[in-house]
Structure formats: structure tokens, C-alpha cells
Amino acid sequence: MSAGEITQSLQAAVKATIPARIYRPLLTRWRQLRRRPIPANMLSGLEPVSRIWGLDRGSAIDHYYIEKFLSLNVADIRGATLEMADSRYTRKFGGDRVSRGEVLHLVPGNPEATLVGDLATGAGIPRNSFDCLIVVNTFLLIYDVRSAIANCYQALKEGGVLLAHFTGIANRCPDDAAWAGDYWRFTSASARQLCEEVFPGDHVTVTAFGNVRTATAYLYGLAAEELHPEELDYRDPNYEVAILVRAVKPIAKS
């Protein structure tokens, strides 16, 4: 067994026995401690520093933007919530405002999932049931993204909020493509158009994050911790790494 395989086996064993709220911070710190230096000739090379979005070096740059967006909209994460694949953001940002936190996964076998269903078809997803949907790193994997957004709308209660992430500049997702698909990269214009086909335009807010520095760093696989906050926070609309949308289902007039 190679060193890499041993490391993966140890990580799997730890993940299976230690709660996620403890495991994830420890793993992030461990990755920071073993992070390799940034090559001086990185931009002249043909290989990335990391092929898994910098997750083996720290936190992914798009995760930094996702968490920044969610921190600005914490009041929306309340009541009955639905998140994709796991409940990391519900736990981190919802706190005691969340009365019921559900997790959706496409196929059985995910220990964190409370619902097995398909966002593209709506199968297995209750309608008019949630105060907040957190949909992160999902729409790029769904070919019929229009139907997926429509099913998010149907799952929300009146007045409920969709907090959604649309992937901008990014490399492919080969592991996800093998079982789910990998179809789309978005711009703020396409994300807005898609959401406004379902939600009223004045109920949709779009925020894009990124610049040429963070886009390049993300493609090369650097971690967010390897950039300065002012580099991460500078926004250039021509280099959108992450597009975040807040969309509210209107309350029907009586």
C-alpha cells in the first residue's frame, strides 16, 4: 500500500468515527501543516499544484466565497432547512434558528442524508416544506438545471429563501462526473436569468466573487489560506469564480 493510500485509509477511519463538526477543523489544520510551498515557477508550469481545488492544502477558494455569502445571509438559515450532501453550512450558520435540518442526496448510502431524491426531477423532495434551501456545488452537476431550480422553488414554503451557489471559473469535477455528471460553468448573467425564469426578478439578488488573482490561484489549486484577505475580497466582474444567489419565494396575496 502506498503512502497516499495509507493516508486515505486513515482519513476514512477518522471520518467514520469522529463527528464532522470535530473532524473537519482538524483535517483543515492537518492540511495546513503539511502544505507544500508554492512553486516559484507555478505560472510557467503545465501541472496544477493541486487537482482537488486546494483541499489538500487548506480550504478551497470557492468555499471562502460561499461562507462569506452565507455569513451575510445567516438570518435566512432558519426553521426547516434543506442542504445538499451534508449539513456543514446549516450547522455552521443556522445555529438554534434551525428547527429541522434535512440533507438531500441523489443515491442511497450517504450517512448524513435524511432524504434520497433527485433535484432535477423533484422525486423524493417534499413540496412547500422548507424555509431555506442551501444549494452549493450542485447545479454544475445537473444537466437539466432549469428543472432543478424550479424544484427548489417548489420545495420552499412561501417566503422561503434559496441560497444557491453557481460555479464560475473552475476546473472539471472528474469524481462527480463519474456518477452524477459535470455539465455547466456559469456567469452572474446566466445565474440571474435561470433564477428569474422561476422567481420574480425583484426577489432575486446575485453576488459574484473573484478576480484574476483568485481565478488563477483556484485553477492552479492553491488554498484560500495562501492568499491575503484583500486579494480574496477584491472583485473584478470579468473573473467570476463563484456566483451566489439569494432568491425568495413570494407570499401569495390573499
C-alpha atoms as a PDB file:
ATOM      1  CA  MET A   1       0.000   0.000   0.000  1.00  0.00           C
ATOM      2  CA  SER A   2       1.354   3.409  -0.994  1.00  0.00           C
ATOM      3  CA  ALA A   3       1.738   6.361   1.380  1.00  0.00           C
ATOM      4  CA  GLY A   4      -1.182   8.068  -0.342  1.00  0.00           C
ATOM      5  CA  GLU A   5      -3.410   5.016   0.090  1.00  0.00           C
ATOM      6  CA  ILE A   6      -2.449   4.757   3.765  1.00  0.00           C
ATOM      7  CA  THR A   7      -3.313   8.432   4.263  1.00  0.00           C
ATOM      8  CA  GLN A   8      -6.688   7.971   2.559  1.00  0.00           C
ATOM      9  CA  SER A   9      -7.440   4.912   4.711  1.00  0.00           C
ATOM     10  CA  LEU A  10      -6.585   6.784   7.897  1.00  0.00           C
ATOM     11  CA  GLN A  11      -8.747   9.726   6.858  1.00  0.00           C
ATOM     12  CA  ALA A  12     -11.671   7.407   6.122  1.00  0.00           C
ATOM     13  CA  ALA A  13     -11.307   5.711   9.518  1.00  0.00           C
ATOM     14  CA  VAL A  14     -11.208   9.036  11.350  1.00  0.00           C
ATOM     15  CA  LYS A  15     -14.173  10.358   9.379  1.00  0.00           C
ATOM     16  CA  ALA A  16     -16.213   7.266  10.239  1.00  0.00           C
ATOM     17  CA  THR A  17     -15.633   7.553  13.992  1.00  0.00           C
ATOM     18  CA  ILE A  18     -15.351  11.280  14.761  1.00  0.00           C
ATOM     19  CA  PRO A  19     -18.276  13.720  14.341  1.00  0.00           C
ATOM     20  CA  ALA A  20     -17.987  16.025  11.328  1.00  0.00           C
ATOM     21  CA  ARG A  21     -18.010  19.191  13.461  1.00  0.00           C
ATOM     22  CA  ILE A  22     -14.771  17.952  15.088  1.00  0.00           C
ATOM     23  CA  TYR A  23     -13.259  16.109  12.134  1.00  0.00           C
ATOM     24  CA  ARG A  24     -13.392  18.897   9.549  1.00  0.00           C
ATOM     25  CA  PRO A  25     -11.490  21.582  11.547  1.00  0.00           C
ATOM     26  CA  LEU A  26      -8.840  19.004  12.473  1.00  0.00           C
ATOM     27  CA  LEU A  27      -8.455  17.923   8.858  1.00  0.00           C
ATOM     28  CA  THR A  28      -8.153  21.521   7.692  1.00  0.00           C
ATOM     29  CA  ARG A  29      -5.431  22.193  10.258  1.00  0.00           C
ATOM     30  CA  TRP A  30      -3.596  18.996   9.312  1.00  0.00           C
ATOM     31  CA  ARG A  31      -3.626  20.008   5.641  1.00  0.00           C
ATOM     32  CA  GLN A  32      -2.270  23.439   6.525  1.00  0.00           C
ATOM     33  CA  LEU A  33       0.632  21.900   8.455  1.00  0.00           C
ATOM     34  CA  ARG A  34       1.635  19.558   5.607  1.00  0.00           C
ATOM     35  CA  ARG A  35       1.078  22.091   2.813  1.00  0.00           C
ATOM     36  CA  ARG A  36       3.867  22.202   0.249  1.00  0.00           C
ATOM     37  CA  PRO A  37       5.379  25.597  -0.657  1.00  0.00           C
ATOM     38  CA  ILE A  38       4.026  27.348  -3.742  1.00  0.00           C
ATOM     39  CA  PRO A  39       6.433  26.675  -6.637  1.00  0.00           C
ATOM     40  CA  ALA A  40       8.239  29.843  -7.713  1.00  0.00           C
ATOM     41  CA  ASN A  41       7.619  28.965 -11.373  1.00  0.00           C
ATOM     42  CA  MET A  42       3.978  27.955 -10.889  1.00  0.00           C
ATOM     43  CA  LEU A  43       2.606  30.087 -13.725  1.00  0.00           C
ATOM     44  CA  SER A  44       5.081  28.617 -16.211  1.00  0.00           C
ATOM     45  CA  GLY A  45       4.177  25.028 -15.349  1.00  0.00           C
ATOM     46  CA  LEU A  46       1.675  22.769 -17.083  1.00  0.00           C
ATOM     47  CA  GLU A  47       0.561  20.968 -13.926  1.00  0.00           C
ATOM     48  CA  PRO A  48      -1.567  22.414 -11.088  1.00  0.00           C
ATOM     49  CA  VAL A  49      -0.320  22.498  -7.532  1.00  0.00           C
ATOM     50  CA  SER A  50      -3.457  20.566  -6.540  1.00  0.00           C
ATOM     51  CA  ARG A  51      -6.086  18.817  -8.648  1.00  0.00           C
ATOM     52  CA  ILE A  52      -8.687  18.878  -5.872  1.00  0.00           C
ATOM     53  CA  TRP A  53      -9.247  22.646  -5.601  1.00  0.00           C
ATOM     54  CA  GLY A  54      -6.599  23.097  -2.909  1.00  0.00           C
ATOM     55  CA  LEU A  55      -8.437  20.900  -0.412  1.00  0.00           C
ATOM     56  CA  ASP A  56      -5.201  19.017   0.253  1.00  0.00           C
ATOM     57  CA  ARG A  57      -3.583  22.348   1.159  1.00  0.00           C
ATOM     58  CA  GLY A  58      -6.351  24.016   3.167  1.00  0.00           C
ATOM     59  CA  SER A  59      -9.742  25.484   2.254  1.00  0.00           C
ATOM     60  CA  ALA A  60     -10.923  25.812  -1.338  1.00  0.00           C
ATOM     61  CA  ILE A  61     -11.122  29.387  -2.608  1.00  0.00           C
ATOM     62  CA  ASP A  62     -14.741  28.991  -3.695  1.00  0.00           C
ATOM     63  CA  HIS A  63     -15.601  27.781  -0.180  1.00  0.00           C
ATOM     64  CA  TYR A  64     -14.240  31.070   1.155  1.00  0.00           C
ATOM     65  CA  TYR A  65     -16.693  32.936  -1.064  1.00  0.00           C
ATOM     66  CA  ILE A  66     -19.581  30.618  -0.222  1.00  0.00           C
ATOM     67  CA  GLU A  67     -19.043  31.106   3.503  1.00  0.00           C
ATOM     68  CA  LYS A  68     -18.692  34.866   3.082  1.00  0.00           C
ATOM     69  CA  PHE A  69     -22.051  34.935   1.295  1.00  0.00           C
ATOM     70  CA  LEU A  70     -23.761  32.721   3.871  1.00  0.00           C
ATOM     71  CA  SER A  71     -22.386  34.831   6.722  1.00  0.00           C
ATOM     72  CA  LEU A  72     -24.150  37.818   5.160  1.00  0.00           C
ATOM     73  CA  ASN A  73     -27.433  35.918   4.977  1.00  0.00           C
ATOM     74  CA  VAL A  74     -27.466  33.987   8.248  1.00  0.00           C
ATOM     75  CA  ALA A  75     -30.937  35.232   9.144  1.00  0.00           C
ATOM     76  CA  ASP A  76     -32.326  33.265   6.189  1.00  0.00           C
ATOM     77  CA  ILE A  77     -30.987  29.959   7.535  1.00  0.00           C
ATOM     78  CA  ARG A  78     -33.833  29.169   9.902  1.00  0.00           C
ATOM     79  CA  GLY A  79     -36.797  26.916  10.541  1.00  0.00           C
ATOM     80  CA  ALA A  80     -36.901  23.864   8.279  1.00  0.00           C
ATOM     81  CA  THR A  81     -33.821  23.728   6.053  1.00  0.00           C
ATOM     82  CA  LEU A  82     -32.612  21.509   3.229  1.00  0.00           C
ATOM     83  CA  GLU A  83     -28.958  21.224   2.230  1.00  0.00           C
ATOM     84  CA  MET A  84     -27.241  19.073  -0.379  1.00  0.00           C
ATOM     85  CA  ALA A  85     -24.981  16.107   0.517  1.00  0.00           C
ATOM     86  CA  ASP A  86     -24.242  17.170   4.109  1.00  0.00           C
ATOM     87  CA  SER A  87     -25.290  19.757   6.672  1.00  0.00           C
ATOM     88  CA  ARG A  88     -21.993  21.605   7.164  1.00  0.00           C
ATOM     89  CA  TYR A  89     -23.374  25.052   6.344  1.00  0.00           C
ATOM     90  CA  THR A  90     -26.650  24.533   8.188  1.00  0.00           C
ATOM     91  CA  ARG A  91     -24.706  23.620  11.313  1.00  0.00           C
ATOM     92  CA  LYS A  92     -22.177  26.426  10.945  1.00  0.00           C
ATOM     93  CA  PHE A  93     -24.556  29.255  10.109  1.00  0.00           C
ATOM     94  CA  GLY A  94     -28.003  28.116  11.242  1.00  0.00           C
ATOM     95  CA  GLY A  95     -27.456  27.524  14.929  1.00  0.00           C
ATOM     96  CA  ASP A  96     -30.564  27.382  17.082  1.00  0.00           C
ATOM     97  CA  ARG A  97     -32.606  29.180  14.413  1.00  0.00           C
ATOM     98  CA  VAL A  98     -32.940  25.827  12.626  1.00  0.00           C
ATOM     99  CA  SER A  99     -35.757  23.659  13.929  1.00  0.00           C
ATOM    100  CA  ARG A 100     -35.355  20.849  11.373  1.00  0.00           C
ATOM    101  CA  GLY A 101     -32.358  20.278   9.153  1.00  0.00           C
ATOM    102  CA  GLU A 102     -32.697  17.856   6.245  1.00  0.00           C
ATOM    103  CA  VAL A 103     -29.963  16.666   3.884  1.00  0.00           C
ATOM    104  CA  LEU A 104     -30.641  15.533   0.312  1.00  0.00           C
ATOM    105  CA  HIS A 105     -28.516  13.085  -1.657  1.00  0.00           C
ATOM    106  CA  LEU A 106     -29.066  11.613  -5.091  1.00  0.00           C
ATOM    107  CA  VAL A 107     -28.285   7.987  -4.230  1.00  0.00           C
ATOM    108  CA  PRO A 108     -28.583   5.874  -1.054  1.00  0.00           C
ATOM    109  CA  GLY A 109     -25.563   5.308   1.153  1.00  0.00           C
ATOM    110  CA  ASN A 110     -24.764   8.794   2.413  1.00  0.00           C
ATOM    111  CA  PRO A 111     -24.889   8.574   6.235  1.00  0.00           C
ATOM    112  CA  GLU A 112     -25.699  12.286   6.560  1.00  0.00           C
ATOM    113  CA  ALA A 113     -28.613  12.196   4.119  1.00  0.00           C
ATOM    114  CA  THR A 114     -32.130  12.247   5.527  1.00  0.00           C
ATOM    115  CA  LEU A 115     -33.737  12.335   2.068  1.00  0.00           C
ATOM    116  CA  VAL A 116     -32.833  10.466  -1.107  1.00  0.00           C
ATOM    117  CA  GLY A 117     -34.104  12.318  -4.138  1.00  0.00           C
ATOM    118  CA  ASP A 118     -33.347  13.971  -7.442  1.00  0.00           C
ATOM    119  CA  LEU A 119     -33.293  17.747  -7.657  1.00  0.00           C
ATOM    120  CA  ALA A 120     -33.585  17.523 -11.445  1.00  0.00           C
ATOM    121  CA  THR A 121     -36.913  15.670 -11.348  1.00  0.00           C
ATOM    122  CA  GLY A 122     -38.192  16.616  -7.900  1.00  0.00           C
ATOM    123  CA  ALA A 123     -38.550  12.952  -6.958  1.00  0.00           C
ATOM    124  CA  GLY A 124     -38.262  12.386  -3.219  1.00  0.00           C
ATOM    125  CA  ILE A 125     -38.355  16.093  -2.343  1.00  0.00           C
ATOM    126  CA  PRO A 126     -41.377  17.322  -0.378  1.00  0.00           C
ATOM    127  CA  ARG A 127     -43.098  20.432  -1.710  1.00  0.00           C
ATOM    128  CA  ASN A 128     -43.834  23.639   0.188  1.00  0.00           C
ATOM    129  CA  SER A 129     -41.840  22.308   3.135  1.00  0.00           C
ATOM    130  CA  PHE A 130     -38.703  24.369   3.718  1.00  0.00           C
ATOM    131  CA  ASP A 131     -37.887  27.850   4.962  1.00  0.00           C
ATOM    132  CA  CYS A 132     -34.403  27.715   3.451  1.00  0.00           C
ATOM    133  CA  LEU A 133     -32.564  25.691   0.817  1.00  0.00           C
ATOM    134  CA  ILE A 134     -28.761  25.747   0.711  1.00  0.00           C
ATOM    135  CA  VAL A 135     -27.622  24.503  -2.689  1.00  0.00           C
ATOM    136  CA  VAL A 136     -23.842  24.512  -3.082  1.00  0.00           C
ATOM    137  CA  ASN A 137     -21.658  22.849  -5.747  1.00  0.00           C
ATOM    138  CA  THR A 138     -24.742  21.213  -7.199  1.00  0.00           C
ATOM    139  CA  PHE A 139     -26.147  22.973 -10.259  1.00  0.00           C
ATOM    140  CA  LEU A 140     -22.984  22.375 -12.306  1.00  0.00           C
ATOM    141  CA  LEU A 141     -23.616  18.618 -11.946  1.00  0.00           C
ATOM    142  CA  ILE A 142     -27.222  18.681 -13.192  1.00  0.00           C
ATOM    143  CA  TYR A 143     -27.866  18.799 -16.935  1.00  0.00           C
ATOM    144  CA  ASP A 144     -31.474  19.989 -16.589  1.00  0.00           C
ATOM    145  CA  VAL A 145     -30.554  22.890 -14.362  1.00  0.00           C
ATOM    146  CA  ARG A 146     -33.784  24.755 -15.166  1.00  0.00           C
ATOM    147  CA  SER A 147     -35.855  21.938 -13.697  1.00  0.00           C
ATOM    148  CA  ALA A 148     -33.566  21.781 -10.666  1.00  0.00           C
ATOM    149  CA  ILE A 149     -34.148  25.459  -9.901  1.00  0.00           C
ATOM    150  CA  ALA A 150     -37.889  25.030 -10.429  1.00  0.00           C
ATOM    151  CA  ASN A 151     -37.888  22.126  -7.977  1.00  0.00           C
ATOM    152  CA  CYS A 152     -36.040  24.268  -5.435  1.00  0.00           C
ATOM    153  CA  TYR A 153     -38.855  26.784  -5.795  1.00  0.00           C
ATOM    154  CA  GLN A 154     -41.472  24.058  -5.293  1.00  0.00           C
ATOM    155  CA  ALA A 155     -39.712  22.763  -2.169  1.00  0.00           C
ATOM    156  CA  LEU A 156     -39.767  26.175  -0.481  1.00  0.00           C
ATOM    157  CA  LYS A 157     -42.586  27.459   1.656  1.00  0.00           C
ATOM    158  CA  GLU A 158     -43.989  30.859   0.753  1.00  0.00           C
ATOM    159  CA  GLY A 159     -41.457  33.384   1.985  1.00  0.00           C
ATOM    160  CA  GLY A 160     -38.742  30.726   1.949  1.00  0.00           C
ATOM    161  CA  VAL A 161     -35.258  31.511   0.666  1.00  0.00           C
ATOM    162  CA  LEU A 162     -32.963  29.735  -1.777  1.00  0.00           C
ATOM    163  CA  LEU A 163     -29.277  30.382  -1.067  1.00  0.00           C
ATOM    164  CA  ALA A 164     -27.533  28.987  -4.114  1.00  0.00           C
ATOM    165  CA  HIS A 165     -24.007  28.738  -5.436  1.00  0.00           C
ATOM    166  CA  PHE A 166     -23.319  28.690  -9.164  1.00  0.00           C
ATOM    167  CA  THR A 167     -19.802  27.651 -10.153  1.00  0.00           C
ATOM    168  CA  GLY A 168     -17.906  30.182 -12.248  1.00  0.00           C
ATOM    169  CA  ILE A 169     -14.300  29.772 -13.386  1.00  0.00           C
ATOM    170  CA  ALA A 170     -13.240  26.277 -12.319  1.00  0.00           C
ATOM    171  CA  ASN A 171     -11.690  23.029 -13.451  1.00  0.00           C
ATOM    172  CA  ARG A 172     -13.711  19.866 -14.050  1.00  0.00           C
ATOM    173  CA  CYS A 173     -15.054  17.561 -11.328  1.00  0.00           C
ATOM    174  CA  PRO A 174     -13.967  14.094 -12.534  1.00  0.00           C
ATOM    175  CA  ASP A 175     -15.094  12.193  -9.436  1.00  0.00           C
ATOM    176  CA  ASP A 176     -18.583  13.717  -9.505  1.00  0.00           C
ATOM    177  CA  ALA A 177     -18.780  13.378 -13.283  1.00  0.00           C
ATOM    178  CA  ALA A 178     -18.323   9.629 -12.962  1.00  0.00           C
ATOM    179  CA  TRP A 179     -21.612   9.140 -11.096  1.00  0.00           C
ATOM    180  CA  ALA A 180     -23.630  12.352 -11.378  1.00  0.00           C
ATOM    181  CA  GLY A 181     -22.297  14.436 -14.262  1.00  0.00           C
ATOM    182  CA  ASP A 182     -20.378  17.663 -14.783  1.00  0.00           C
ATOM    183  CA  TYR A 183     -22.100  19.967 -17.250  1.00  0.00           C
ATOM    184  CA  TRP A 184     -22.009  23.682 -16.517  1.00  0.00           C
ATOM    185  CA  ARG A 185     -19.969  26.718 -15.524  1.00  0.00           C
ATOM    186  CA  PHE A 186     -21.959  29.914 -15.013  1.00  0.00           C
ATOM    187  CA  THR A 187     -21.744  33.701 -15.109  1.00  0.00           C
ATOM    188  CA  SER A 188     -23.733  36.134 -12.994  1.00  0.00           C
ATOM    189  CA  ALA A 189     -25.875  36.861 -16.062  1.00  0.00           C
ATOM    190  CA  SER A 190     -26.761  33.216 -16.689  1.00  0.00           C
ATOM    191  CA  ALA A 191     -27.393  32.558 -12.992  1.00  0.00           C
ATOM    192  CA  ARG A 192     -29.729  35.536 -12.798  1.00  0.00           C
ATOM    193  CA  GLN A 193     -31.564  34.570 -15.985  1.00  0.00           C
ATOM    194  CA  LEU A 194     -32.073  30.997 -14.797  1.00  0.00           C
ATOM    195  CA  CYS A 195     -33.394  32.068 -11.393  1.00  0.00           C
ATOM    196  CA  GLU A 196     -35.620  34.819 -12.777  1.00  0.00           C
ATOM    197  CA  GLU A 197     -37.316  32.263 -15.018  1.00  0.00           C
ATOM    198  CA  VAL A 198     -38.754  30.821 -11.789  1.00  0.00           C
ATOM    199  CA  PHE A 199     -38.562  33.507  -9.091  1.00  0.00           C
ATOM    200  CA  PRO A 200     -39.813  37.085  -9.575  1.00  0.00           C
ATOM    201  CA  GLY A 201     -36.971  39.333 -10.681  1.00  0.00           C
ATOM    202  CA  ASP A 202     -37.286  41.656  -7.698  1.00  0.00           C
ATOM    203  CA  HIS A 203     -36.930  38.623  -5.406  1.00  0.00           C
ATOM    204  CA  VAL A 204     -33.523  37.623  -6.833  1.00  0.00           C
ATOM    205  CA  THR A 205     -30.155  39.026  -5.712  1.00  0.00           C
ATOM    206  CA  VAL A 206     -26.938  37.941  -7.428  1.00  0.00           C
ATOM    207  CA  THR A 207     -23.455  38.460  -5.986  1.00  0.00           C
ATOM    208  CA  ALA A 208     -20.291  37.453  -7.844  1.00  0.00           C
ATOM    209  CA  PHE A 209     -16.881  36.968  -6.237  1.00  0.00           C
ATOM    210  CA  GLY A 210     -13.436  36.663  -7.770  1.00  0.00           C
ATOM    211  CA  ASN A 211     -10.667  38.375  -9.691  1.00  0.00           C
ATOM    212  CA  VAL A 212      -7.823  37.344 -11.963  1.00  0.00           C
ATOM    213  CA  ARG A 213      -5.599  36.531  -8.982  1.00  0.00           C
ATOM    214  CA  THR A 214      -8.088  34.250  -7.242  1.00  0.00           C
ATOM    215  CA  ALA A 215      -9.267  32.697 -10.507  1.00  0.00           C
ATOM    216  CA  THR A 216      -5.693  31.764 -11.389  1.00  0.00           C
ATOM    217  CA  ALA A 217      -4.961  30.540  -7.873  1.00  0.00           C
ATOM    218  CA  TYR A 218      -8.137  28.442  -7.878  1.00  0.00           C
ATOM    219  CA  LEU A 219      -7.303  26.814 -11.217  1.00  0.00           C
ATOM    220  CA  TYR A 220      -3.790  26.012 -10.017  1.00  0.00           C
ATOM    221  CA  GLY A 221      -5.186  24.518  -6.803  1.00  0.00           C
ATOM    222  CA  LEU A 222      -3.972  26.968  -4.185  1.00  0.00           C
ATOM    223  CA  ALA A 223      -5.865  27.141  -0.902  1.00  0.00           C
ATOM    224  CA  ALA A 224      -7.674  30.217   0.357  1.00  0.00           C
ATOM    225  CA  GLU A 225      -5.230  30.426   3.258  1.00  0.00           C
ATOM    226  CA  GLU A 226      -2.398  31.011   0.783  1.00  0.00           C
ATOM    227  CA  LEU A 227      -3.891  34.338  -0.334  1.00  0.00           C
ATOM    228  CA  HIS A 228      -4.325  37.567   1.605  1.00  0.00           C
ATOM    229  CA  PRO A 229      -7.878  38.667   2.515  1.00  0.00           C
ATOM    230  CA  GLU A 230      -7.568  41.761   0.328  1.00  0.00           C
ATOM    231  CA  GLU A 231      -6.693  39.513  -2.628  1.00  0.00           C
ATOM    232  CA  LEU A 232      -9.667  37.256  -1.981  1.00  0.00           C
ATOM    233  CA  ASP A 233     -12.128  40.092  -1.427  1.00  0.00           C
ATOM    234  CA  TYR A 234     -11.271  42.221  -4.460  1.00  0.00           C
ATOM    235  CA  ARG A 235     -13.974  41.812  -7.117  1.00  0.00           C
ATOM    236  CA  ASP A 236     -13.478  42.009 -10.862  1.00  0.00           C
ATOM    237  CA  PRO A 237     -16.673  41.222 -12.822  1.00  0.00           C
ATOM    238  CA  ASN A 238     -14.615  39.778 -15.679  1.00  0.00           C
ATOM    239  CA  TYR A 239     -13.275  36.961 -13.475  1.00  0.00           C
ATOM    240  CA  GLU A 240     -16.166  35.367 -11.599  1.00  0.00           C
ATOM    241  CA  VAL A 241     -15.060  32.402  -9.511  1.00  0.00           C
ATOM    242  CA  ALA A 242     -18.256  31.983  -7.508  1.00  0.00           C
ATOM    243  CA  ILE A 243     -21.730  33.341  -8.187  1.00  0.00           C
ATOM    244  CA  LEU A 244     -24.077  33.363  -5.204  1.00  0.00           C
ATOM    245  CA  VAL A 245     -27.802  33.878  -5.449  1.00  0.00           C
ATOM    246  CA  ARG A 246     -30.442  34.727  -2.866  1.00  0.00           C
ATOM    247  CA  ALA A 247     -33.929  34.078  -4.227  1.00  0.00           C
ATOM    248  CA  VAL A 248     -37.155  34.397  -2.226  1.00  0.00           C
ATOM    249  CA  LYS A 249     -40.394  32.570  -2.972  1.00  0.00           C
ATOM    250  CA  PRO A 250     -43.123  35.215  -2.779  1.00  0.00           C
ATOM    251  CA  ILE A 251     -46.021  35.034  -0.367  1.00  0.00           C
ATOM    252  CA  ALA A 252     -49.261  34.659  -2.284  1.00  0.00           C
ATOM    253  CA  LYS A 253     -51.615  37.588  -1.995  1.00  0.00           C
ATOM    254  CA  SER A 254     -54.839  36.696  -0.237  1.00  0.00           C
END
